Amino acid sequence: MIENFQAFVIAITILTLTPGLDTALVIRNTSRGGFVDGSVTSLGICSGLFVHALLSAIGISAVLAQSAELFNMVKMVGAAYLVYLGISSLRSTLKGQAHLAIGQGQGAQFVVKRSLKEGFLSNVLNPKTAVFYLAFLPQFINPEYSPLLQSMLMAAIHFVIAMIWQCGLAGALDKAKNLLKSSRFMRWMEGTTGVVLVAFGVKLMLEKTA
């Protein structure tokens, strides 16, 4: 049902592994309340993905109701945005900027509701995630099937991948702490992601014009 399913899985996996706001929050809360705190925070974060998928599906459905040509135009704009994100990551890497700051744990008591709320709101209220979903998901939508079902399916796949990664990260925090604090490692991760996004976006644009 989903177009280029394998490409979607590969792309979303690479992007999930890239350190960012979600990773920083999981690390902070794991430092604060241990593995369970980090895992529940991850659950809140990943639950927010379905909100972005729903909003994206509504937008896609509205565009499809207008015309197929307009839908292809939206996909082209989305592909161009992915290239822009990739170039931005590469520029940050060349400048030696690190976007992930990892704080020290405070030893606070774990509270389920607090961790869920922090994770959920950090994701839902993040405009970068919203814009990314609006640009990313349409690339894999098959107009012959329901955009809502396809968007929710992709969000579910993203949910599973992100939960596995973030919970694994929480469990390995003590051992990975020094690595994640390394600005050199962070620049390498961001640079790799930049290359992937640029290549992926260019590939999509070439496919649309072929």
N, C-alpha and C. Protein backbone atom coordinates (compact mmCIF):
# COMPACT_ATOMS: atom_id res chain seq x y z
N MET A 1 0.83 -1.20 0.00
CA MET A 1 0.00 0.00 0.00
C MET A 1 0.87 1.26 0.00
N ILE A 2 1.92 1.28 0.83
CA ILE A 2 2.81 2.44 0.89
C ILE A 2 3.80 2.38 -0.27
N GLU A 3 3.99 3.49 -0.97
CA GLU A 3 4.94 3.53 -2.07
C GLU A 3 6.38 3.55 -1.53
N ASN A 4 7.28 2.84 -2.22
CA ASN A 4 8.70 2.80 -1.82
C ASN A 4 8.86 2.47 -0.34
N PHE A 5 8.21 1.38 0.08
CA PHE A 5 8.17 1.02 1.50
C PHE A 5 9.57 0.82 2.08
N GLN A 6 10.43 0.12 1.35
CA GLN A 6 11.77 -0.13 1.86
C GLN A 6 12.55 1.18 2.03
N ALA A 7 12.38 2.09 1.08
CA ALA A 7 13.07 3.39 1.19
C ALA A 7 12.57 4.15 2.41
N PHE A 8 11.27 4.05 2.67
CA PHE A 8 10.71 4.72 3.85
C PHE A 8 11.31 4.18 5.14
N VAL A 9 11.38 2.86 5.26
CA VAL A 9 11.91 2.24 6.48
C VAL A 9 13.37 2.63 6.70
N ILE A 10 14.15 2.60 5.62
CA ILE A 10 15.57 2.95 5.74
C ILE A 10 15.73 4.41 6.14
N ALA A 11 14.99 5.30 5.48
CA ALA A 11 15.11 6.73 5.75
C ALA A 11 14.67 7.07 7.17
N ILE A 12 13.53 6.53 7.60
CA ILE A 12 13.01 6.88 8.93
C ILE A 12 13.89 6.29 10.03
N THR A 13 14.52 5.16 9.75
CA THR A 13 15.43 4.56 10.73
C THR A 13 16.66 5.44 10.92
N ILE A 14 17.25 5.87 9.82
CA ILE A 14 18.44 6.73 9.89
C ILE A 14 18.12 8.03 10.60
N LEU A 15 16.98 8.61 10.28
CA LEU A 15 16.59 9.88 10.89
C LEU A 15 16.27 9.71 12.38
N THR A 16 15.73 8.56 12.75
CA THR A 16 15.43 8.30 14.16
C THR A 16 16.70 8.19 14.98
N LEU A 17 17.74 7.63 14.39
CA LEU A 17 19.00 7.45 15.11
C LEU A 17 19.78 8.75 15.28
N THR A 18 19.36 9.79 14.56
CA THR A 18 20.07 11.06 14.63
C THR A 18 19.75 11.79 15.93
N PRO A 19 20.77 12.18 16.71
CA PRO A 19 20.52 12.90 17.96
C PRO A 19 19.79 14.21 17.73
N GLY A 20 18.83 14.49 18.58
CA GLY A 20 18.06 15.72 18.49
C GLY A 20 17.34 15.99 19.80
N LEU A 21 16.26 16.77 19.73
CA LEU A 21 15.52 17.14 20.93
C LEU A 21 14.98 15.92 21.67
N ASP A 22 14.40 14.98 20.93
CA ASP A 22 13.84 13.77 21.56
C ASP A 22 14.92 12.99 22.29
N THR A 23 16.06 12.82 21.64
CA THR A 23 17.17 12.09 22.26
C THR A 23 17.64 12.79 23.52
N ALA A 24 17.74 14.11 23.45
CA ALA A 24 18.20 14.89 24.60
C ALA A 24 17.26 14.72 25.78
N LEU A 25 15.94 14.72 25.50
CA LEU A 25 14.96 14.59 26.58
C LEU A 25 15.00 13.21 27.22
N VAL A 26 15.14 12.18 26.38
CA VAL A 26 15.23 10.82 26.91
C VAL A 26 16.47 10.67 27.79
N ILE A 27 17.58 11.22 27.34
CA ILE A 27 18.82 11.14 28.11
C ILE A 27 18.69 11.91 29.43
N ARG A 28 18.10 13.10 29.36
CA ARG A 28 17.94 13.90 30.58
C ARG A 28 17.07 13.18 31.61
N ASN A 29 15.95 12.64 31.15
CA ASN A 29 15.03 11.99 32.08
C ASN A 29 15.55 10.65 32.58
N THR A 30 16.36 9.98 31.76
CA THR A 30 16.99 8.75 32.23
C THR A 30 17.99 9.07 33.33
N SER A 31 18.72 10.17 33.14
CA SER A 31 19.65 10.61 34.17
C SER A 31 18.91 11.00 35.45
N ARG A 32 17.71 11.51 35.27
CA ARG A 32 16.91 11.97 36.40
C ARG A 32 16.27 10.82 37.19
N GLY A 33 15.67 9.86 36.46
CA GLY A 33 14.91 8.82 37.15
C GLY A 33 15.17 7.41 36.71
N GLY A 34 16.27 7.18 35.97
CA GLY A 34 16.62 5.82 35.58
C GLY A 34 15.99 5.36 34.28
N PHE A 35 16.17 4.07 33.99
CA PHE A 35 15.72 3.48 32.72
C PHE A 35 14.22 3.64 32.51
N VAL A 36 13.42 3.41 33.56
CA VAL A 36 11.96 3.49 33.43
C VAL A 36 11.53 4.91 33.07
N ASP A 37 12.14 5.89 33.70
CA ASP A 37 11.83 7.29 33.40
C ASP A 37 12.10 7.59 31.93
N GLY A 38 13.26 7.16 31.43
CA GLY A 38 13.60 7.39 30.03
C GLY A 38 12.67 6.66 29.08
N SER A 39 12.28 5.45 29.43
CA SER A 39 11.41 4.65 28.57
C SER A 39 10.00 5.22 28.51
N VAL A 40 9.47 5.67 29.65
CA VAL A 40 8.13 6.27 29.66
C VAL A 40 8.14 7.61 28.91
N THR A 41 9.22 8.34 29.04
CA THR A 41 9.38 9.58 28.27
C THR A 41 9.35 9.27 26.78
N SER A 42 10.03 8.20 26.39
CA SER A 42 10.05 7.77 24.99
C SER A 42 8.64 7.41 24.51
N LEU A 43 7.87 6.76 25.38
CA LEU A 43 6.49 6.41 25.03
C LEU A 43 5.67 7.66 24.76
N GLY A 44 5.86 8.69 25.58
CA GLY A 44 5.15 9.94 25.36
C GLY A 44 5.57 10.60 24.05
N ILE A 45 6.88 10.62 23.79
CA ILE A 45 7.40 11.20 22.56
C ILE A 45 6.82 10.50 21.33
N CYS A 46 6.89 9.18 21.34
CA CYS A 46 6.45 8.40 20.17
C CYS A 46 4.94 8.46 19.97
N SER A 47 4.18 8.63 21.06
CA SER A 47 2.73 8.77 20.93
C SER A 47 2.38 10.05 20.18
N GLY A 48 3.20 11.07 20.35
CA GLY A 48 2.96 12.33 19.65
C GLY A 48 3.08 12.22 18.15
N LEU A 49 3.77 11.18 17.67
CA LEU A 49 3.94 11.00 16.22
C LEU A 49 2.60 10.83 15.51
N PHE A 50 1.64 10.20 16.20
CA PHE A 50 0.34 9.95 15.58
C PHE A 50 -0.44 11.26 15.39
N VAL A 51 -0.20 12.22 16.24
CA VAL A 51 -0.84 13.53 16.07
C VAL A 51 -0.33 14.19 14.80
N HIS A 52 0.99 14.15 14.60
CA HIS A 52 1.57 14.73 13.39
C HIS A 52 1.11 13.97 12.14
N ALA A 53 1.00 12.64 12.26
CA ALA A 53 0.55 11.84 11.12
C ALA A 53 -0.89 12.17 10.76
N LEU A 54 -1.73 12.39 11.76
CA LEU A 54 -3.13 12.74 11.51
C LEU A 54 -3.24 14.08 10.80
N LEU A 55 -2.50 15.07 11.29
CA LEU A 55 -2.54 16.39 10.67
C LEU A 55 -2.00 16.34 9.24
N SER A 56 -0.95 15.54 9.04
CA SER A 56 -0.40 15.39 7.70
C SER A 56 -1.42 14.74 6.77
N ALA A 57 -2.12 13.71 7.26
CA ALA A 57 -3.11 13.00 6.44
C ALA A 57 -4.26 13.92 6.06
N ILE A 58 -4.69 14.78 6.98
CA ILE A 58 -5.76 15.73 6.68
C ILE A 58 -5.34 16.68 5.56
N GLY A 59 -4.09 17.16 5.65
CA GLY A 59 -3.58 18.05 4.62
C GLY A 59 -3.46 17.34 3.28
N ILE A 60 -2.97 16.10 3.29
CA ILE A 60 -2.82 15.34 2.05
C ILE A 60 -4.17 15.07 1.41
N SER A 61 -5.16 14.70 2.23
CA SER A 61 -6.50 14.42 1.71
C SER A 61 -7.10 15.65 1.05
N ALA A 62 -6.89 16.81 1.68
CA ALA A 62 -7.42 18.06 1.12
C ALA A 62 -6.79 18.38 -0.23
N VAL A 63 -5.49 18.13 -0.33
CA VAL A 63 -4.78 18.39 -1.59
C VAL A 63 -5.25 17.43 -2.68
N LEU A 64 -5.38 16.14 -2.33
CA LEU A 64 -5.83 15.15 -3.31
C LEU A 64 -7.24 15.45 -3.81
N ALA A 65 -8.06 16.04 -2.95
CA ALA A 65 -9.43 16.38 -3.34
C ALA A 65 -9.43 17.48 -4.40
N GLN A 66 -8.35 18.25 -4.46
CA GLN A 66 -8.24 19.32 -5.46
C GLN A 66 -7.78 18.78 -6.80
N SER A 67 -6.57 18.16 -6.80
CA SER A 67 -6.06 17.61 -8.06
C SER A 67 -4.80 16.80 -7.82
N ALA A 68 -4.54 15.85 -8.73
CA ALA A 68 -3.34 15.03 -8.65
C ALA A 68 -2.10 15.88 -8.93
N GLU A 69 -2.25 16.87 -9.82
CA GLU A 69 -1.12 17.74 -10.15
C GLU A 69 -0.67 18.53 -8.93
N LEU A 70 -1.63 19.01 -8.16
CA LEU A 70 -1.31 19.77 -6.95
C LEU A 70 -0.62 18.87 -5.93
N PHE A 71 -1.05 17.61 -5.87
CA PHE A 71 -0.43 16.65 -4.95
C PHE A 71 1.04 16.43 -5.33
N ASN A 72 1.31 16.28 -6.62
CA ASN A 72 2.69 16.11 -7.07
C ASN A 72 3.52 17.36 -6.78
N MET A 73 2.90 18.52 -6.87
CA MET A 73 3.61 19.76 -6.56
C MET A 73 3.99 19.79 -5.07
N VAL A 74 3.06 19.35 -4.23
CA VAL A 74 3.33 19.30 -2.79
C VAL A 74 4.48 18.35 -2.49
N LYS A 75 4.51 17.22 -3.21
CA LYS A 75 5.59 16.26 -3.01
C LYS A 75 6.93 16.85 -3.44
N MET A 76 6.93 17.63 -4.51
CA MET A 76 8.16 18.27 -4.95
C MET A 76 8.67 19.27 -3.91
N VAL A 77 7.74 20.06 -3.36
CA VAL A 77 8.11 21.02 -2.32
C VAL A 77 8.65 20.28 -1.10
N GLY A 78 8.02 19.17 -0.77
CA GLY A 78 8.48 18.36 0.37
C GLY A 78 9.88 17.82 0.14
N ALA A 79 10.15 17.35 -1.06
CA ALA A 79 11.47 16.83 -1.39
C ALA A 79 12.52 17.94 -1.29
N ALA A 80 12.15 19.13 -1.76
CA ALA A 80 13.07 20.28 -1.69
C ALA A 80 13.35 20.63 -0.23
N TYR A 81 12.34 20.51 0.61
CA TYR A 81 12.52 20.80 2.04
C TYR A 81 13.49 19.82 2.68
N LEU A 82 13.42 18.56 2.28
CA LEU A 82 14.34 17.55 2.81
C LEU A 82 15.78 17.90 2.42
N VAL A 83 15.96 18.37 1.19
CA VAL A 83 17.29 18.81 0.76
C VAL A 83 17.76 19.98 1.61
N TYR A 84 16.85 20.90 1.88
CA TYR A 84 17.18 22.06 2.72
C TYR A 84 17.62 21.62 4.12
N LEU A 85 16.89 20.66 4.70
CA LEU A 85 17.26 20.16 6.03
C LEU A 85 18.65 19.53 5.99
N GLY A 86 18.91 18.78 4.92
CA GLY A 86 20.21 18.13 4.79
C GLY A 86 21.34 19.14 4.68
N ILE A 87 21.14 20.17 3.87
CA ILE A 87 22.16 21.21 3.71
C ILE A 87 22.38 21.94 5.04
N SER A 88 21.30 22.18 5.78
CA SER A 88 21.43 22.85 7.07
C SER A 88 22.27 22.02 8.03
N SER A 89 22.05 20.70 8.02
CA SER A 89 22.83 19.82 8.89
C SER A 89 24.31 19.83 8.49
N LEU A 90 24.57 19.82 7.19
CA LEU A 90 25.95 19.84 6.71
C LEU A 90 26.63 21.16 7.07
N ARG A 91 25.91 22.27 6.96
CA ARG A 91 26.48 23.57 7.33
C ARG A 91 26.82 23.62 8.81
N SER A 92 25.93 23.06 9.63
CA SER A 92 26.20 23.04 11.07
C SER A 92 27.42 22.19 11.38
N THR A 93 27.56 21.09 10.64
CA THR A 93 28.71 20.21 10.84
C THR A 93 30.01 20.91 10.48
N LEU A 94 30.00 21.62 9.34
CA LEU A 94 31.20 22.32 8.90
C LEU A 94 31.58 23.45 9.86
N LYS A 95 30.57 24.04 10.48
CA LYS A 95 30.83 25.11 11.44
C LYS A 95 31.23 24.58 12.81
N GLY A 96 31.10 23.25 12.98
CA GLY A 96 31.49 22.66 14.25
C GLY A 96 30.50 22.89 15.36
N GLN A 97 29.21 23.11 15.00
CA GLN A 97 28.20 23.35 16.00
C GLN A 97 27.63 22.04 16.50
N ALA A 98 27.35 21.96 17.80
CA ALA A 98 26.71 20.79 18.40
C ALA A 98 25.34 21.20 18.91
N HIS A 99 24.30 20.48 18.47
CA HIS A 99 22.94 20.88 18.82
C HIS A 99 22.38 20.10 20.00
N LEU A 100 23.08 19.13 20.49
CA LEU A 100 22.53 18.30 21.56
C LEU A 100 23.29 18.55 22.85
N ALA A 101 22.62 19.13 23.81
CA ALA A 101 23.24 19.38 25.10
C ALA A 101 22.69 18.39 26.11
N ILE A 102 23.56 17.67 26.79
CA ILE A 102 23.15 16.65 27.74
C ILE A 102 23.43 17.13 29.14
N GLY A 103 22.38 17.29 29.91
CA GLY A 103 22.54 17.78 31.27
C GLY A 103 22.84 16.67 32.24
N GLN A 104 23.19 17.04 33.46
CA GLN A 104 23.47 16.08 34.49
C GLN A 104 22.18 15.68 35.19
N GLY A 105 22.12 14.45 35.65
CA GLY A 105 20.94 13.96 36.34
C GLY A 105 20.78 14.64 37.68
N GLN A 106 19.53 14.78 38.11
CA GLN A 106 19.24 15.45 39.36
C GLN A 106 18.77 14.48 40.43
N GLY A 107 18.63 13.19 40.07
CA GLY A 107 18.22 12.20 41.04
C GLY A 107 16.79 12.38 41.52
N ALA A 108 15.93 12.97 40.70
CA ALA A 108 14.55 13.21 41.09
C ALA A 108 13.75 11.91 41.05
N GLN A 109 12.64 11.87 41.80
CA GLN A 109 11.80 10.69 41.84
C GLN A 109 11.03 10.54 40.53
N PHE A 110 10.87 9.29 40.07
CA PHE A 110 10.17 9.02 38.82
C PHE A 110 8.66 9.16 39.01
N VAL A 111 8.02 9.93 38.12
CA VAL A 111 6.57 10.11 38.13
C VAL A 111 6.07 9.82 36.72
N VAL A 112 5.23 8.78 36.57
CA VAL A 112 4.77 8.34 35.24
C VAL A 112 4.10 9.47 34.47
N LYS A 113 3.14 10.14 35.11
CA LYS A 113 2.38 11.19 34.42
C LYS A 113 3.29 12.30 33.94
N ARG A 114 4.25 12.69 34.76
CA ARG A 114 5.17 13.76 34.39
C ARG A 114 6.01 13.38 33.18
N SER A 115 6.57 12.17 33.19
CA SER A 115 7.42 11.72 32.08
C SER A 115 6.64 11.61 30.78
N LEU A 116 5.42 11.06 30.86
CA LEU A 116 4.58 10.95 29.67
C LEU A 116 4.25 12.33 29.11
N LYS A 117 3.87 13.25 29.99
CA LYS A 117 3.50 14.59 29.55
C LYS A 117 4.68 15.32 28.93
N GLU A 118 5.85 15.22 29.56
CA GLU A 118 7.03 15.89 29.02
C GLU A 118 7.36 15.36 27.63
N GLY A 119 7.32 14.04 27.47
CA GLY A 119 7.63 13.45 26.17
C GLY A 119 6.61 13.80 25.11
N PHE A 120 5.33 13.69 25.45
CA PHE A 120 4.25 13.94 24.49
C PHE A 120 4.25 15.40 24.04
N LEU A 121 4.31 16.33 25.00
CA LEU A 121 4.25 17.74 24.65
C LEU A 121 5.49 18.20 23.90
N SER A 122 6.65 17.65 24.24
CA SER A 122 7.87 18.05 23.54
C SER A 122 7.80 17.68 22.07
N ASN A 123 7.11 16.60 21.76
CA ASN A 123 6.99 16.15 20.37
C ASN A 123 5.87 16.89 19.65
N VAL A 124 4.69 16.93 20.26
CA VAL A 124 3.53 17.54 19.61
C VAL A 124 3.73 19.04 19.38
N LEU A 125 4.40 19.71 20.31
CA LEU A 125 4.58 21.15 20.21
C LEU A 125 5.85 21.55 19.47
N ASN A 126 6.55 20.56 18.91
CA ASN A 126 7.77 20.84 18.17
C ASN A 126 7.41 21.14 16.71
N PRO A 127 7.50 22.40 16.27
CA PRO A 127 7.12 22.74 14.89
C PRO A 127 7.99 22.05 13.84
N LYS A 128 9.23 21.73 14.19
CA LYS A 128 10.10 21.06 13.23
C LYS A 128 9.58 19.66 12.90
N THR A 129 9.06 18.97 13.90
CA THR A 129 8.49 17.64 13.67
C THR A 129 7.25 17.73 12.80
N ALA A 130 6.41 18.72 13.07
CA ALA A 130 5.19 18.90 12.29
C ALA A 130 5.50 19.17 10.82
N VAL A 131 6.42 20.09 10.58
CA VAL A 131 6.80 20.43 9.20
C VAL A 131 7.46 19.24 8.51
N PHE A 132 8.30 18.51 9.28
CA PHE A 132 8.97 17.36 8.69
C PHE A 132 7.96 16.30 8.25
N TYR A 133 6.97 16.01 9.08
CA TYR A 133 5.97 15.02 8.70
C TYR A 133 5.18 15.47 7.48
N LEU A 134 4.87 16.76 7.42
CA LEU A 134 4.13 17.28 6.27
C LEU A 134 4.94 17.16 4.99
N ALA A 135 6.27 17.23 5.11
CA ALA A 135 7.13 17.11 3.93
C ALA A 135 7.48 15.67 3.62
N PHE A 136 7.64 14.86 4.67
CA PHE A 136 8.18 13.50 4.50
C PHE A 136 7.11 12.48 4.09
N LEU A 137 6.00 12.43 4.81
CA LEU A 137 5.01 11.39 4.56
C LEU A 137 4.42 11.40 3.15
N PRO A 138 4.13 12.58 2.55
CA PRO A 138 3.55 12.57 1.20
C PRO A 138 4.42 11.87 0.16
N GLN A 139 5.73 11.77 0.42
CA GLN A 139 6.61 11.12 -0.54
C GLN A 139 6.27 9.64 -0.72
N PHE A 140 5.59 9.07 0.26
CA PHE A 140 5.33 7.63 0.24
C PHE A 140 3.84 7.30 0.19
N ILE A 141 3.01 8.32 0.01
CA ILE A 141 1.56 8.10 -0.05
C ILE A 141 1.15 7.64 -1.44
N ASN A 142 0.41 6.56 -1.49
CA ASN A 142 -0.18 6.07 -2.74
C ASN A 142 -1.57 6.68 -2.87
N PRO A 143 -1.79 7.54 -3.86
CA PRO A 143 -3.08 8.23 -4.00
C PRO A 143 -4.27 7.29 -4.16
N GLU A 144 -4.02 6.03 -4.52
CA GLU A 144 -5.10 5.09 -4.74
C GLU A 144 -5.67 4.54 -3.43
N TYR A 145 -4.97 4.77 -2.34
CA TYR A 145 -5.42 4.26 -1.04
C TYR A 145 -5.61 5.41 -0.06
N SER A 146 -6.17 5.10 1.09
CA SER A 146 -6.48 6.11 2.09
C SER A 146 -5.22 6.78 2.64
N PRO A 147 -5.09 8.10 2.49
CA PRO A 147 -3.93 8.80 3.07
C PRO A 147 -3.88 8.66 4.59
N LEU A 148 -5.04 8.62 5.23
CA LEU A 148 -5.08 8.50 6.69
C LEU A 148 -4.50 7.17 7.15
N LEU A 149 -4.94 6.07 6.52
CA LEU A 149 -4.45 4.75 6.92
C LEU A 149 -2.96 4.62 6.65
N GLN A 150 -2.51 5.14 5.51
CA GLN A 150 -1.09 5.06 5.18
C GLN A 150 -0.25 5.90 6.14
N SER A 151 -0.74 7.10 6.47
CA SER A 151 -0.01 7.98 7.39
C SER A 151 0.08 7.35 8.77
N MET A 152 -1.01 6.76 9.25
CA MET A 152 -1.01 6.13 10.56
C MET A 152 -0.11 4.90 10.58
N LEU A 153 -0.08 4.17 9.46
CA LEU A 153 0.79 3.00 9.38
C LEU A 153 2.26 3.43 9.44
N MET A 154 2.59 4.50 8.71
CA MET A 154 3.98 4.99 8.75
C MET A 154 4.34 5.51 10.13
N ALA A 155 3.37 6.16 10.79
CA ALA A 155 3.61 6.65 12.15
C ALA A 155 3.82 5.47 13.10
N ALA A 156 3.07 4.38 12.88
CA ALA A 156 3.22 3.20 13.73
C ALA A 156 4.60 2.57 13.56
N ILE A 157 5.07 2.53 12.32
CA ILE A 157 6.41 1.99 12.05
C ILE A 157 7.47 2.88 12.71
N HIS A 158 7.29 4.18 12.56
CA HIS A 158 8.20 5.14 13.20
C HIS A 158 8.16 4.97 14.72
N PHE A 159 6.96 4.76 15.26
CA PHE A 159 6.77 4.55 16.70
C PHE A 159 7.62 3.37 17.19
N VAL A 160 7.52 2.25 16.50
CA VAL A 160 8.26 1.04 16.91
C VAL A 160 9.76 1.26 16.84
N ILE A 161 10.23 1.83 15.74
CA ILE A 161 11.67 2.06 15.56
C ILE A 161 12.19 3.02 16.62
N ALA A 162 11.45 4.12 16.85
CA ALA A 162 11.89 5.12 17.83
C ALA A 162 11.88 4.56 19.25
N MET A 163 10.87 3.75 19.58
CA MET A 163 10.79 3.16 20.92
C MET A 163 11.98 2.22 21.16
N ILE A 164 12.28 1.40 20.18
CA ILE A 164 13.41 0.47 20.32
C ILE A 164 14.71 1.25 20.52
N TRP A 165 14.91 2.29 19.71
CA TRP A 165 16.14 3.07 19.79
C TRP A 165 16.24 3.84 21.11
N GLN A 166 15.18 4.54 21.46
CA GLN A 166 15.23 5.39 22.64
C GLN A 166 15.28 4.58 23.94
N CYS A 167 14.55 3.47 23.99
CA CYS A 167 14.61 2.63 25.19
C CYS A 167 15.97 1.95 25.31
N GLY A 168 16.53 1.55 24.17
CA GLY A 168 17.87 0.99 24.18
C GLY A 168 18.89 2.01 24.63
N LEU A 169 18.67 3.25 24.20
CA LEU A 169 19.56 4.35 24.60
C LEU A 169 19.47 4.59 26.10
N ALA A 170 18.25 4.54 26.63
CA ALA A 170 18.07 4.74 28.06
C ALA A 170 18.77 3.65 28.86
N GLY A 171 18.68 2.41 28.35
CA GLY A 171 19.29 1.30 29.06
C GLY A 171 20.81 1.34 29.03
N ALA A 172 21.35 1.93 27.97
CA ALA A 172 22.81 1.96 27.82
C ALA A 172 23.41 3.32 28.17
N LEU A 173 22.62 4.16 28.85
CA LEU A 173 23.05 5.53 29.10
C LEU A 173 24.38 5.60 29.85
N ASP A 174 24.54 4.84 30.89
CA ASP A 174 25.77 4.91 31.68
C ASP A 174 27.01 4.62 30.84
N LYS A 175 26.88 3.65 29.92
CA LYS A 175 28.03 3.29 29.10
C LYS A 175 28.22 4.25 27.93
N ALA A 176 27.12 4.81 27.45
CA ALA A 176 27.20 5.67 26.27
C ALA A 176 27.35 7.14 26.62
N LYS A 177 27.35 7.45 27.91
CA LYS A 177 27.34 8.85 28.36
C LYS A 177 28.46 9.68 27.75
N ASN A 178 29.68 9.19 27.81
CA ASN A 178 30.82 9.95 27.30
C ASN A 178 30.76 10.12 25.79
N LEU A 179 30.29 9.07 25.10
CA LEU A 179 30.20 9.14 23.65
C LEU A 179 29.20 10.20 23.22
N LEU A 180 28.04 10.22 23.89
CA LEU A 180 27.00 11.16 23.53
C LEU A 180 27.37 12.60 23.88
N LYS A 181 28.33 12.78 24.78
CA LYS A 181 28.79 14.12 25.12
C LYS A 181 29.88 14.61 24.18
N SER A 182 30.37 13.71 23.31
CA SER A 182 31.46 14.06 22.41
C SER A 182 30.95 14.92 21.26
N SER A 183 31.46 16.15 21.15
CA SER A 183 31.03 17.03 20.06
C SER A 183 31.46 16.46 18.71
N ARG A 184 32.57 15.74 18.69
CA ARG A 184 33.04 15.14 17.44
C ARG A 184 32.06 14.08 16.94
N PHE A 185 31.56 13.26 17.87
CA PHE A 185 30.58 12.23 17.52
C PHE A 185 29.28 12.88 17.03
N MET A 186 28.84 13.95 17.73
CA MET A 186 27.61 14.62 17.36
C MET A 186 27.71 15.23 15.96
N ARG A 187 28.87 15.82 15.64
CA ARG A 187 29.05 16.41 14.31
C ARG A 187 29.05 15.33 13.24
N TRP A 188 29.64 14.18 13.56
CA TRP A 188 29.66 13.08 12.60
C TRP A 188 28.24 12.59 12.32
N MET A 189 27.42 12.46 13.38
CA MET A 189 26.05 12.01 13.21
C MET A 189 25.24 13.01 12.40
N GLU A 190 25.39 14.30 12.70
CA GLU A 190 24.63 15.32 11.99
C GLU A 190 25.08 15.42 10.54
N GLY A 191 26.37 15.28 10.30
CA GLY A 191 26.87 15.31 8.93
C GLY A 191 26.36 14.14 8.11
N THR A 192 26.34 12.96 8.71
CA THR A 192 25.83 11.77 8.02
C THR A 192 24.37 11.95 7.66
N THR A 193 23.60 12.45 8.61
CA THR A 193 22.18 12.70 8.35
C THR A 193 21.99 13.72 7.24
N GLY A 194 22.81 14.76 7.22
CA GLY A 194 22.72 15.77 6.18
C GLY A 194 22.91 15.18 4.80
N VAL A 195 23.91 14.33 4.66
CA VAL A 195 24.18 13.68 3.36
C VAL A 195 22.99 12.82 2.94
N VAL A 196 22.44 12.06 3.90
CA VAL A 196 21.30 11.19 3.60
C VAL A 196 20.09 12.00 3.15
N LEU A 197 19.80 13.09 3.85
CA LEU A 197 18.64 13.92 3.50
C LEU A 197 18.79 14.57 2.13
N VAL A 198 19.97 15.10 1.85
CA VAL A 198 20.19 15.72 0.54
C VAL A 198 20.04 14.69 -0.58
N ALA A 199 20.69 13.54 -0.42
CA ALA A 199 20.62 12.49 -1.43
C ALA A 199 19.19 12.00 -1.62
N PHE A 200 18.48 11.84 -0.51
CA PHE A 200 17.11 11.34 -0.57
C PHE A 200 16.20 12.36 -1.26
N GLY A 201 16.34 13.64 -0.89
CA GLY A 201 15.53 14.67 -1.48
C GLY A 201 15.77 14.84 -2.97
N VAL A 202 17.04 14.81 -3.38
CA VAL A 202 17.39 14.92 -4.79
C VAL A 202 16.83 13.73 -5.58
N LYS A 203 16.94 12.54 -5.01
CA LYS A 203 16.41 11.34 -5.65
C LYS A 203 14.91 11.47 -5.88
N LEU A 204 14.19 11.95 -4.88
CA LEU A 204 12.76 12.11 -5.01
C LEU A 204 12.40 13.14 -6.07
N MET A 205 13.15 14.25 -6.11
CA MET A 205 12.86 15.29 -7.11
C MET A 205 13.13 14.78 -8.53
N LEU A 206 14.18 14.01 -8.70
CA LEU A 206 14.48 13.45 -10.02
C LEU A 206 13.43 12.46 -10.46
N GLU A 207 12.91 11.69 -9.49
CA GLU A 207 11.84 10.73 -9.82
C GLU A 207 10.59 11.45 -10.27
N LYS A 208 10.29 12.58 -9.62
CA LYS A 208 9.06 13.33 -9.96
C LYS A 208 9.16 13.96 -11.35
N THR A 209 10.40 14.34 -11.77
CA THR A 209 10.55 15.02 -13.05
C THR A 209 10.83 14.05 -14.19
N ALA A 210 11.09 12.78 -13.82
CA ALA A 210 11.39 11.80 -14.86
C ALA A 210 10.15 11.44 -15.68
